Amino acid sequence: MKTNWKTWAPFQSPEVREICEHMTEAERRKATMHGIFYGIWVAVSLAMPLFVASAFGHPLVALIAVPLFVASIPVWRNMQRSFLCSTAWAREQSFTPERL
């Protein structure tokens, strides 16, 4: 199967790449929504506070926003792994979030 640009990421493991190659169209749409929500999360929790901090001279906003964003990365990665392991093909292959 050919890699789909909608699910491609530069640092994908071979296992994640294989799961993405076997996604159904509905699973691809759901993956796209996950990507959109992640982009919104980055904008709201990191980009906007950094803009406010730089534009209005409030460095405290950045000092709070950046560590909160960094702390949210493991939560997001766990959600992403759980989603990938919930796909039909990944379940058939007995993938688990801990294994990705």
PDB file of N, CA and C in Angstrom:
ATOM      1  N   MET A   1       0.837  -1.189   0.000  1.00  0.00           N
ATOM      2  CA  MET A   1       0.000   0.000   0.000  1.00  0.00           C
ATOM      3  C   MET A   1       0.879   1.249   0.000  1.00  0.00           C
ATOM      4  N   LYS A   2       0.353   2.284  -0.571  1.00  0.00           N
ATOM      5  CA  LYS A   2       1.096   3.538  -0.640  1.00  0.00           C
ATOM      6  C   LYS A   2       0.746   4.417   0.560  1.00  0.00           C
ATOM      7  N   THR A   3       1.735   5.129   1.095  1.00  0.00           N
ATOM      8  CA  THR A   3       1.523   6.007   2.227  1.00  0.00           C
ATOM      9  C   THR A   3       0.632   7.173   1.820  1.00  0.00           C
ATOM     10  N   ASN A   4      -0.332   7.482   2.676  1.00  0.00           N
ATOM     11  CA  ASN A   4      -1.270   8.566   2.422  1.00  0.00           C
ATOM     12  C   ASN A   4      -0.740   9.846   3.064  1.00  0.00           C
ATOM     13  N   TRP A   5      -0.739  10.943   2.337  1.00  0.00           N
ATOM     14  CA  TRP A   5      -0.216  12.202   2.874  1.00  0.00           C
ATOM     15  C   TRP A   5      -1.031  12.694   4.064  1.00  0.00           C
ATOM     16  N   LYS A   6      -2.294  12.285   4.168  1.00  0.00           N
ATOM     17  CA  LYS A   6      -3.140  12.747   5.268  1.00  0.00           C
ATOM     18  C   LYS A   6      -2.730  12.137   6.613  1.00  0.00           C
ATOM     19  N   THR A   7      -2.094  10.994   6.581  1.00  0.00           N
ATOM     20  CA  THR A   7      -1.697  10.340   7.827  1.00  0.00           C
ATOM     21  C   THR A   7      -0.180  10.255   7.983  1.00  0.00           C
ATOM     22  N   TRP A   8       0.557  10.840   7.055  1.00  0.00           N
ATOM     23  CA  TRP A   8       2.007  10.780   7.105  1.00  0.00           C
ATOM     24  C   TRP A   8       2.544  11.761   8.144  1.00  0.00           C
ATOM     25  N   ALA A   9       3.588  11.367   8.841  1.00  0.00           N
ATOM     26  CA  ALA A   9       4.305  12.242   9.766  1.00  0.00           C
ATOM     27  C   ALA A   9       5.788  11.913   9.648  1.00  0.00           C
ATOM     28  N   PRO A  10       6.671  12.893   9.816  1.00  0.00           N
ATOM     29  CA  PRO A  10       8.093  12.664   9.561  1.00  0.00           C
ATOM     30  C   PRO A  10       8.767  11.660  10.500  1.00  0.00           C
ATOM     31  N   PHE A  11       8.277  11.510  11.709  1.00  0.00           N
ATOM     32  CA  PHE A  11       8.944  10.628  12.663  1.00  0.00           C
ATOM     33  C   PHE A  11       8.105   9.402  13.012  1.00  0.00           C
ATOM     34  N   GLN A  12       7.261   8.957  12.085  1.00  0.00           N
ATOM     35  CA  GLN A  12       6.432   7.783  12.322  1.00  0.00           C
ATOM     36  C   GLN A  12       7.301   6.535  12.453  1.00  0.00           C
ATOM     37  N   SER A  13       6.924   5.707  13.402  1.00  0.00           N
ATOM     38  CA  SER A  13       7.582   4.409  13.508  1.00  0.00           C
ATOM     39  C   SER A  13       7.063   3.518  12.381  1.00  0.00           C
ATOM     40  N   PRO A  14       7.770   2.452  12.057  1.00  0.00           N
ATOM     41  CA  PRO A  14       7.270   1.536  11.026  1.00  0.00           C
ATOM     42  C   PRO A  14       5.895   0.962  11.391  1.00  0.00           C
ATOM     43  N   GLU A  15       5.657   0.710  12.681  1.00  0.00           N
ATOM     44  CA  GLU A  15       4.363   0.170  13.110  1.00  0.00           C
ATOM     45  C   GLU A  15       3.241   1.163  12.856  1.00  0.00           C
ATOM     46  N   VAL A  16       3.467   2.426  13.199  1.00  0.00           N
ATOM     47  CA  VAL A  16       2.446   3.456  12.981  1.00  0.00           C
ATOM     48  C   VAL A  16       2.201   3.639  11.489  1.00  0.00           C
ATOM     49  N   ARG A  17       3.251   3.621  10.706  1.00  0.00           N
ATOM     50  CA  ARG A  17       3.106   3.760   9.249  1.00  0.00           C
ATOM     51  C   ARG A  17       2.252   2.620   8.699  1.00  0.00           C
ATOM     52  N   GLU A  18       2.484   1.411   9.202  1.00  0.00           N
ATOM     53  CA  GLU A  18       1.721   0.259   8.738  1.00  0.00           C
ATOM     54  C   GLU A  18       0.246   0.367   9.142  1.00  0.00           C
ATOM     55  N   ILE A  19      -0.003   0.817  10.369  1.00  0.00           N
ATOM     56  CA  ILE A  19      -1.393   1.009  10.809  1.00  0.00           C
ATOM     57  C   ILE A  19      -2.081   2.029   9.909  1.00  0.00           C
ATOM     58  N   CYS A  20      -1.398   3.129   9.642  1.00  0.00           N
ATOM     59  CA  CYS A  20      -1.982   4.179   8.796  1.00  0.00           C
ATOM     60  C   CYS A  20      -2.259   3.683   7.385  1.00  0.00           C
ATOM     61  N   GLU A  21      -1.395   2.829   6.862  1.00  0.00           N
ATOM     62  CA  GLU A  21      -1.600   2.296   5.517  1.00  0.00           C
ATOM     63  C   GLU A  21      -2.848   1.420   5.437  1.00  0.00           C
ATOM     64  N   HIS A  22      -3.247   0.830   6.562  1.00  0.00           N
ATOM     65  CA  HIS A  22      -4.389  -0.082   6.567  1.00  0.00           C
ATOM     66  C   HIS A  22      -5.679   0.552   7.108  1.00  0.00           C
ATOM     67  N   MET A  23      -5.678   1.851   7.336  1.00  0.00           N
ATOM     68  CA  MET A  23      -6.879   2.507   7.853  1.00  0.00           C
ATOM     69  C   MET A  23      -8.002   2.503   6.822  1.00  0.00           C
ATOM     70  N   THR A  24      -9.214   2.365   7.319  1.00  0.00           N
ATOM     71  CA  THR A  24     -10.376   2.520   6.453  1.00  0.00           C
ATOM     72  C   THR A  24     -10.580   4.009   6.195  1.00  0.00           C
ATOM     73  N   GLU A  25     -11.460   4.318   5.265  1.00  0.00           N
ATOM     74  CA  GLU A  25     -11.729   5.732   4.969  1.00  0.00           C
ATOM     75  C   GLU A  25     -12.310   6.449   6.186  1.00  0.00           C
ATOM     76  N   ALA A  26     -13.189   5.784   6.924  1.00  0.00           N
ATOM     77  CA  ALA A  26     -13.767   6.389   8.137  1.00  0.00           C
ATOM     78  C   ALA A  26     -12.681   6.643   9.181  1.00  0.00           C
ATOM     79  N   GLU A  27     -11.742   5.724   9.315  1.00  0.00           N
ATOM     80  CA  GLU A  27     -10.647   5.907  10.270  1.00  0.00           C
ATOM     81  C   GLU A  27      -9.728   7.045   9.833  1.00  0.00           C
ATOM     82  N   ARG A  28      -9.529   7.191   8.538  1.00  0.00           N
ATOM     83  CA  ARG A  28      -8.720   8.314   8.030  1.00  0.00           C
ATOM     84  C   ARG A  28      -9.396   9.654   8.344  1.00  0.00           C
ATOM     85  N   ARG A  29     -10.717   9.704   8.176  1.00  0.00           N
ATOM     86  CA  ARG A  29     -11.437  10.937   8.511  1.00  0.00           C
ATOM     87  C   ARG A  29     -11.287  11.257   9.995  1.00  0.00           C
ATOM     88  N   LYS A  30     -11.385  10.222  10.828  1.00  0.00           N
ATOM     89  CA  LYS A  30     -11.225  10.428  12.263  1.00  0.00           C
ATOM     90  C   LYS A  30      -9.800  10.889  12.585  1.00  0.00           C
ATOM     91  N   ALA A  31      -8.809  10.320  11.902  1.00  0.00           N
ATOM     92  CA  ALA A  31      -7.415  10.741  12.092  1.00  0.00           C
ATOM     93  C   ALA A  31      -7.241  12.196  11.677  1.00  0.00           C
ATOM     94  N   THR A  32      -7.908  12.587  10.599  1.00  0.00           N
ATOM     95  CA  THR A  32      -7.848  13.982  10.155  1.00  0.00           C
ATOM     96  C   THR A  32      -8.424  14.907  11.220  1.00  0.00           C
ATOM     97  N   MET A  33      -9.534  14.504  11.816  1.00  0.00           N
ATOM     98  CA  MET A  33     -10.134  15.317  12.882  1.00  0.00           C
ATOM     99  C   MET A  33      -9.194  15.422  14.081  1.00  0.00           C
ATOM    100  N   HIS A  34      -8.512  14.330  14.426  1.00  0.00           N
ATOM    101  CA  HIS A  34      -7.528  14.375  15.503  1.00  0.00           C
ATOM    102  C   HIS A  34      -6.455  15.414  15.185  1.00  0.00           C
ATOM    103  N   GLY A  35      -5.996  15.424  13.935  1.00  0.00           N
ATOM    104  CA  GLY A  35      -4.981  16.383  13.523  1.00  0.00           C
ATOM    105  C   GLY A  35      -5.472  17.821  13.607  1.00  0.00           C
ATOM    106  N   ILE A  36      -6.715  18.036  13.208  1.00  0.00           N
ATOM    107  CA  ILE A  36      -7.300  19.378  13.291  1.00  0.00           C
ATOM    108  C   ILE A  36      -7.406  19.826  14.743  1.00  0.00           C
ATOM    109  N   PHE A  37      -7.878  18.929  15.612  1.00  0.00           N
ATOM    110  CA  PHE A  37      -7.985  19.277  17.034  1.00  0.00           C
ATOM    111  C   PHE A  37      -6.617  19.559  17.648  1.00  0.00           C
ATOM    112  N   TYR A  38      -5.593  18.824  17.216  1.00  0.00           N
ATOM    113  CA  TYR A  38      -4.248  19.088  17.724  1.00  0.00           C
ATOM    114  C   TYR A  38      -3.774  20.473  17.281  1.00  0.00           C
ATOM    115  N   GLY A  39      -4.036  20.821  16.035  1.00  0.00           N
ATOM    116  CA  GLY A  39      -3.663  22.147  15.552  1.00  0.00           C
ATOM    117  C   GLY A  39      -4.360  23.247  16.329  1.00  0.00           C
ATOM    118  N   ILE A  40      -5.635  23.048  16.624  1.00  0.00           N
ATOM    119  CA  ILE A  40      -6.372  24.031  17.421  1.00  0.00           C
ATOM    120  C   ILE A  40      -5.776  24.108  18.823  1.00  0.00           C
ATOM    121  N   TRP A  41      -5.458  22.948  19.405  1.00  0.00           N
ATOM    122  CA  TRP A  41      -4.871  22.918  20.752  1.00  0.00           C
ATOM    123  C   TRP A  41      -3.543  23.687  20.786  1.00  0.00           C
ATOM    124  N   VAL A  42      -2.692  23.488  19.775  1.00  0.00           N
ATOM    125  CA  VAL A  42      -1.407  24.192  19.720  1.00  0.00           C
ATOM    126  C   VAL A  42      -1.646  25.693  19.603  1.00  0.00           C
ATOM    127  N   ALA A  43      -2.591  26.089  18.758  1.00  0.00           N
ATOM    128  CA  ALA A  43      -2.873  27.514  18.582  1.00  0.00           C
ATOM    129  C   ALA A  43      -3.379  28.153  19.865  1.00  0.00           C
ATOM    130  N   VAL A  44      -4.319  27.483  20.527  1.00  0.00           N
ATOM    131  CA  VAL A  44      -4.939  28.065  21.720  1.00  0.00           C
ATOM    132  C   VAL A  44      -4.003  28.027  22.927  1.00  0.00           C
ATOM    133  N   SER A  45      -3.302  26.919  23.097  1.00  0.00           N
ATOM    134  CA  SER A  45      -2.517  26.761  24.321  1.00  0.00           C
ATOM    135  C   SER A  45      -1.082  27.254  24.210  1.00  0.00           C
ATOM    136  N   LEU A  46      -0.578  27.441  23.008  1.00  0.00           N
ATOM    137  CA  LEU A  46       0.818  27.861  22.871  1.00  0.00           C
ATOM    138  C   LEU A  46       0.981  29.119  22.021  1.00  0.00           C
ATOM    139  N   ALA A  47       0.466  29.103  20.807  1.00  0.00           N
ATOM    140  CA  ALA A  47       0.695  30.225  19.899  1.00  0.00           C
ATOM    141  C   ALA A  47       0.037  31.514  20.392  1.00  0.00           C
ATOM    142  N   MET A  48      -1.216  31.424  20.800  1.00  0.00           N
ATOM    143  CA  MET A  48      -1.902  32.640  21.259  1.00  0.00           C
ATOM    144  C   MET A  48      -1.265  33.216  22.529  1.00  0.00           C
ATOM    145  N   PRO A  49      -0.979  32.396  23.547  1.00  0.00           N
ATOM    146  CA  PRO A  49      -0.324  32.963  24.732  1.00  0.00           C
ATOM    147  C   PRO A  49       1.051  33.564  24.423  1.00  0.00           C
ATOM    148  N   LEU A  50       1.814  32.932  23.531  1.00  0.00           N
ATOM    149  CA  LEU A  50       3.117  33.500  23.169  1.00  0.00           C
ATOM    150  C   LEU A  50       2.947  34.816  22.420  1.00  0.00           C
ATOM    151  N   PHE A  51       1.927  34.906  21.589  1.00  0.00           N
ATOM    152  CA  PHE A  51       1.647  36.162  20.900  1.00  0.00           C
ATOM    153  C   PHE A  51       1.292  37.258  21.905  1.00  0.00           C
ATOM    154  N   VAL A  52       0.412  36.931  22.831  1.00  0.00           N
ATOM    155  CA  VAL A  52       0.014  37.909  23.855  1.00  0.00           C
ATOM    156  C   VAL A  52       1.231  38.344  24.664  1.00  0.00           C
ATOM    157  N   ALA A  53       2.073  37.378  25.023  1.00  0.00           N
ATOM    158  CA  ALA A  53       3.271  37.696  25.818  1.00  0.00           C
ATOM    159  C   ALA A  53       4.197  38.632  25.065  1.00  0.00           C
ATOM    160  N   SER A  54       4.388  38.383  23.778  1.00  0.00           N
ATOM    161  CA  SER A  54       5.314  39.230  23.026  1.00  0.00           C
ATOM    162  C   SER A  54       4.690  40.554  22.609  1.00  0.00           C
ATOM    163  N   ALA A  55       3.435  40.544  22.221  1.00  0.00           N
ATOM    164  CA  ALA A  55       2.797  41.760  21.716  1.00  0.00           C
ATOM    165  C   ALA A  55       2.479  42.753  22.825  1.00  0.00           C
ATOM    166  N   PHE A  56       2.107  42.241  23.982  1.00  0.00           N
ATOM    167  CA  PHE A  56       1.671  43.132  25.054  1.00  0.00           C
ATOM    168  C   PHE A  56       2.638  43.176  26.234  1.00  0.00           C
ATOM    169  N   GLY A  57       3.768  42.527  26.101  1.00  0.00           N
ATOM    170  CA  GLY A  57       4.789  42.590  27.136  1.00  0.00           C
ATOM    171  C   GLY A  57       4.399  41.902  28.430  1.00  0.00           C
ATOM    172  N   HIS A  58       3.725  40.768  28.331  1.00  0.00           N
ATOM    173  CA  HIS A  58       3.333  40.004  29.520  1.00  0.00           C
ATOM    174  C   HIS A  58       4.062  38.654  29.515  1.00  0.00           C
ATOM    175  N   PRO A  59       5.322  38.629  29.930  1.00  0.00           N
ATOM    176  CA  PRO A  59       6.075  37.370  29.887  1.00  0.00           C
ATOM    177  C   PRO A  59       5.513  36.293  30.816  1.00  0.00           C
ATOM    178  N   LEU A  60       4.758  36.707  31.825  1.00  0.00           N
ATOM    179  CA  LEU A  60       4.174  35.727  32.740  1.00  0.00           C
ATOM    180  C   LEU A  60       3.238  34.773  32.003  1.00  0.00           C
ATOM    181  N   VAL A  61       2.557  35.277  30.981  1.00  0.00           N
ATOM    182  CA  VAL A  61       1.655  34.437  30.188  1.00  0.00           C
ATOM    183  C   VAL A  61       2.456  33.302  29.552  1.00  0.00           C
ATOM    184  N   ALA A  62       3.614  33.622  28.990  1.00  0.00           N
ATOM    185  CA  ALA A  62       4.448  32.602  28.359  1.00  0.00           C
ATOM    186  C   ALA A  62       5.027  31.655  29.392  1.00  0.00           C
ATOM    187  N   LEU A  63       5.389  32.193  30.550  1.00  0.00           N
ATOM    188  CA  LEU A  63       5.957  31.342  31.603  1.00  0.00           C
ATOM    189  C   LEU A  63       4.958  30.322  32.125  1.00  0.00           C
ATOM    190  N   ILE A  64       3.698  30.618  31.980  1.00  0.00           N
ATOM    191  CA  ILE A  64       2.648  29.672  32.394  1.00  0.00           C
ATOM    192  C   ILE A  64       2.255  28.776  31.221  1.00  0.00           C
ATOM    193  N   ALA A  65       2.085  29.350  30.036  1.00  0.00           N
ATOM    194  CA  ALA A  65       1.567  28.607  28.879  1.00  0.00           C
ATOM    195  C   ALA A  65       2.528  27.535  28.379  1.00  0.00           C
ATOM    196  N   VAL A  66       3.796  27.865  28.283  1.00  0.00           N
ATOM    197  CA  VAL A  66       4.754  26.907  27.715  1.00  0.00           C
ATOM    198  C   VAL A  66       4.870  25.639  28.561  1.00  0.00           C
ATOM    199  N   PRO A  67       5.064  25.740  29.881  1.00  0.00           N
ATOM    200  CA  PRO A  67       5.123  24.497  30.673  1.00  0.00           C
ATOM    201  C   PRO A  67       3.815  23.697  30.632  1.00  0.00           C
ATOM    202  N   LEU A  68       2.669  24.381  30.599  1.00  0.00           N
ATOM    203  CA  LEU A  68       1.400  23.662  30.503  1.00  0.00           C
ATOM    204  C   LEU A  68       1.296  22.920  29.176  1.00  0.00           C
ATOM    205  N   PHE A  69       1.736  23.570  28.105  1.00  0.00           N
ATOM    206  CA  PHE A  69       1.705  22.904  26.807  1.00  0.00           C
ATOM    207  C   PHE A  69       2.635  21.694  26.802  1.00  0.00           C
ATOM    208  N   VAL A  70       3.841  21.866  27.310  1.00  0.00           N
ATOM    209  CA  VAL A  70       4.800  20.756  27.349  1.00  0.00           C
ATOM    210  C   VAL A  70       4.242  19.601  28.188  1.00  0.00           C
ATOM    211  N   ALA A  71       3.583  19.924  29.285  1.00  0.00           N
ATOM    212  CA  ALA A  71       2.995  18.888  30.138  1.00  0.00           C
ATOM    213  C   ALA A  71       1.860  18.155  29.428  1.00  0.00           C
ATOM    214  N   SER A  72       1.221  18.793  28.460  1.00  0.00           N
ATOM    215  CA  SER A  72       0.109  18.146  27.751  1.00  0.00           C
ATOM    216  C   SER A  72       0.573  17.200  26.656  1.00  0.00           C
ATOM    217  N   ILE A  73       1.827  17.255  26.267  1.00  0.00           N
ATOM    218  CA  ILE A  73       2.325  16.415  25.171  1.00  0.00           C
ATOM    219  C   ILE A  73       2.168  14.924  25.471  1.00  0.00           C
ATOM    220  N   PRO A  74       2.554  14.426  26.648  1.00  0.00           N
ATOM    221  CA  PRO A  74       2.351  12.989  26.903  1.00  0.00           C
ATOM    222  C   PRO A  74       0.883  12.573  26.862  1.00  0.00           C
ATOM    223  N   VAL A  75       0.000  13.437  27.319  1.00  0.00           N
ATOM    224  CA  VAL A  75      -1.433  13.130  27.275  1.00  0.00           C
ATOM    225  C   VAL A  75      -1.878  12.996  25.826  1.00  0.00           C
ATOM    226  N   TRP A  76      -1.469  13.924  24.988  1.00  0.00           N
ATOM    227  CA  TRP A  76      -1.837  13.876  23.577  1.00  0.00           C
ATOM    228  C   TRP A  76      -1.271  12.625  22.909  1.00  0.00           C
ATOM    229  N   ARG A  77      -0.017  12.287  23.191  1.00  0.00           N
ATOM    230  CA  ARG A  77       0.598  11.098  22.596  1.00  0.00           C
ATOM    231  C   ARG A  77      -0.138   9.830  23.017  1.00  0.00           C
ATOM    232  N   ASN A  78      -0.555   9.752  24.271  1.00  0.00           N
ATOM    233  CA  ASN A  78      -1.319   8.584  24.727  1.00  0.00           C
ATOM    234  C   ASN A  78      -2.656   8.482  24.000  1.00  0.00           C
ATOM    235  N   MET A  79      -3.322   9.616  23.820  1.00  0.00           N
ATOM    236  CA  MET A  79      -4.591   9.622  23.083  1.00  0.00           C
ATOM    237  C   MET A  79      -4.370   9.172  21.642  1.00  0.00           C
ATOM    238  N   GLN A  80      -3.294   9.639  21.037  1.00  0.00           N
ATOM    239  CA  GLN A  80      -2.985   9.284  19.657  1.00  0.00           C
ATOM    240  C   GLN A  80      -2.712   7.779  19.546  1.00  0.00           C
ATOM    241  N   ARG A  81      -1.922   7.241  20.452  1.00  0.00           N
ATOM    242  CA  ARG A  81      -1.631   5.803  20.434  1.00  0.00           C
ATOM    243  C   ARG A  81      -2.894   4.979  20.640  1.00  0.00           C
ATOM    244  N   SER A  82      -3.743   5.421  21.561  1.00  0.00           N
ATOM    245  CA  SER A  82      -5.001   4.702  21.795  1.00  0.00           C
ATOM    246  C   SER A  82      -5.866   4.695  20.547  1.00  0.00           C
ATOM    247  N   PHE A  83      -5.944   5.839  19.863  1.00  0.00           N
ATOM    248  CA  PHE A  83      -6.717   5.891  18.625  1.00  0.00           C
ATOM    249  C   PHE A  83      -6.145   4.939  17.584  1.00  0.00           C
ATOM    250  N   LEU A  84      -4.830   4.989  17.377  1.00  0.00           N
ATOM    251  CA  LEU A  84      -4.221   4.128  16.367  1.00  0.00           C
ATOM    252  C   LEU A  84      -4.472   2.648  16.662  1.00  0.00           C
ATOM    253  N   CYS A  85      -4.411   2.281  17.939  1.00  0.00           N
ATOM    254  CA  CYS A  85      -4.630   0.877  18.315  1.00  0.00           C
ATOM    255  C   CYS A  85      -6.098   0.483  18.264  1.00  0.00           C
ATOM    256  N   SER A  86      -6.983   1.460  18.148  1.00  0.00           N
ATOM    257  CA  SER A  86      -8.411   1.151  18.065  1.00  0.00           C
ATOM    258  C   SER A  86      -8.866   0.883  16.637  1.00  0.00           C
ATOM    259  N   THR A  87      -7.992   1.090  15.658  1.00  0.00           N
ATOM    260  CA  THR A  87      -8.382   0.830  14.277  1.00  0.00           C
ATOM    261  C   THR A  87      -8.560  -0.667  14.071  1.00  0.00           C
ATOM    262  N   ALA A  88      -9.363  -1.022  13.096  1.00  0.00           N
ATOM    263  CA  ALA A  88      -9.704  -2.434  12.855  1.00  0.00           C
ATOM    264  C   ALA A  88      -8.460  -3.275  12.591  1.00  0.00           C
ATOM    265  N   TRP A  89      -7.593  -2.803  11.720  1.00  0.00           N
ATOM    266  CA  TRP A  89      -6.407  -3.573  11.378  1.00  0.00           C
ATOM    267  C   TRP A  89      -5.481  -3.719  12.573  1.00  0.00           C
ATOM    268  N   ALA A  90      -5.288  -2.650  13.356  1.00  0.00           N
ATOM    269  CA  ALA A  90      -4.405  -2.709  14.526  1.00  0.00           C
ATOM    270  C   ALA A  90      -4.940  -3.687  15.565  1.00  0.00           C
ATOM    271  N   ARG A  91      -6.264  -3.726  15.740  1.00  0.00           N
ATOM    272  CA  ARG A  91      -6.854  -4.695  16.674  1.00  0.00           C
ATOM    273  C   ARG A  91      -6.605  -6.115  16.198  1.00  0.00           C
ATOM    274  N   GLU A  92      -6.745  -6.351  14.885  1.00  0.00           N
ATOM    275  CA  GLU A  92      -6.487  -7.683  14.331  1.00  0.00           C
ATOM    276  C   GLU A  92      -5.040  -8.116  14.556  1.00  0.00           C
ATOM    277  N   GLN A  93      -4.133  -7.146  14.533  1.00  0.00           N
ATOM    278  CA  GLN A  93      -2.710  -7.424  14.711  1.00  0.00           C
ATOM    279  C   GLN A  93      -2.283  -7.403  16.186  1.00  0.00           C
ATOM    280  N   SER A  94      -3.226  -7.166  17.070  1.00  0.00           N
ATOM    281  CA  SER A  94      -2.988  -7.121  18.534  1.00  0.00           C
ATOM    282  C   SER A  94      -2.029  -6.013  18.960  1.00  0.00           C
ATOM    283  N   PHE A  95      -2.100  -4.875  18.272  1.00  0.00           N
ATOM    284  CA  PHE A  95      -1.303  -3.728  18.699  1.00  0.00           C
ATOM    285  C   PHE A  95      -1.877  -3.154  19.984  1.00  0.00           C
ATOM    286  N   THR A  96      -1.000  -2.683  20.850  1.00  0.00           N
ATOM    287  CA  THR A  96      -1.420  -2.013  22.079  1.00  0.00           C
ATOM    288  C   THR A  96      -0.713  -0.660  22.154  1.00  0.00           C
ATOM    289  N   PRO A  97      -1.289   0.309  22.859  1.00  0.00           N
ATOM    290  CA  PRO A  97      -0.638   1.622  22.951  1.00  0.00           C
ATOM    291  C   PRO A  97       0.781   1.539  23.516  1.00  0.00           C
ATOM    292  N   GLU A  98       1.025   0.602  24.415  1.00  0.00           N
ATOM    293  CA  GLU A  98       2.360   0.470  25.005  1.00  0.00           C
ATOM    294  C   GLU A  98       3.382  -0.028  23.982  1.00  0.00           C
ATOM    295  N   ARG A  99       2.910  -0.703  22.960  1.00  0.00           N
ATOM    296  CA  ARG A  99       3.789  -1.295  21.959  1.00  0.00           C
ATOM    297  C   ARG A  99       4.183  -0.319  20.845  1.00  0.00           C
ATOM    298  N   LEU A 100       3.494   0.780  20.731  1.00  0.00           N
ATOM    299  CA  LEU A 100       3.811   1.733  19.659  1.00  0.00           C
ATOM    300  C   LEU A 100       4.937   2.668  20.073  1.00  0.00           C
TER     301      LEU A 100
END
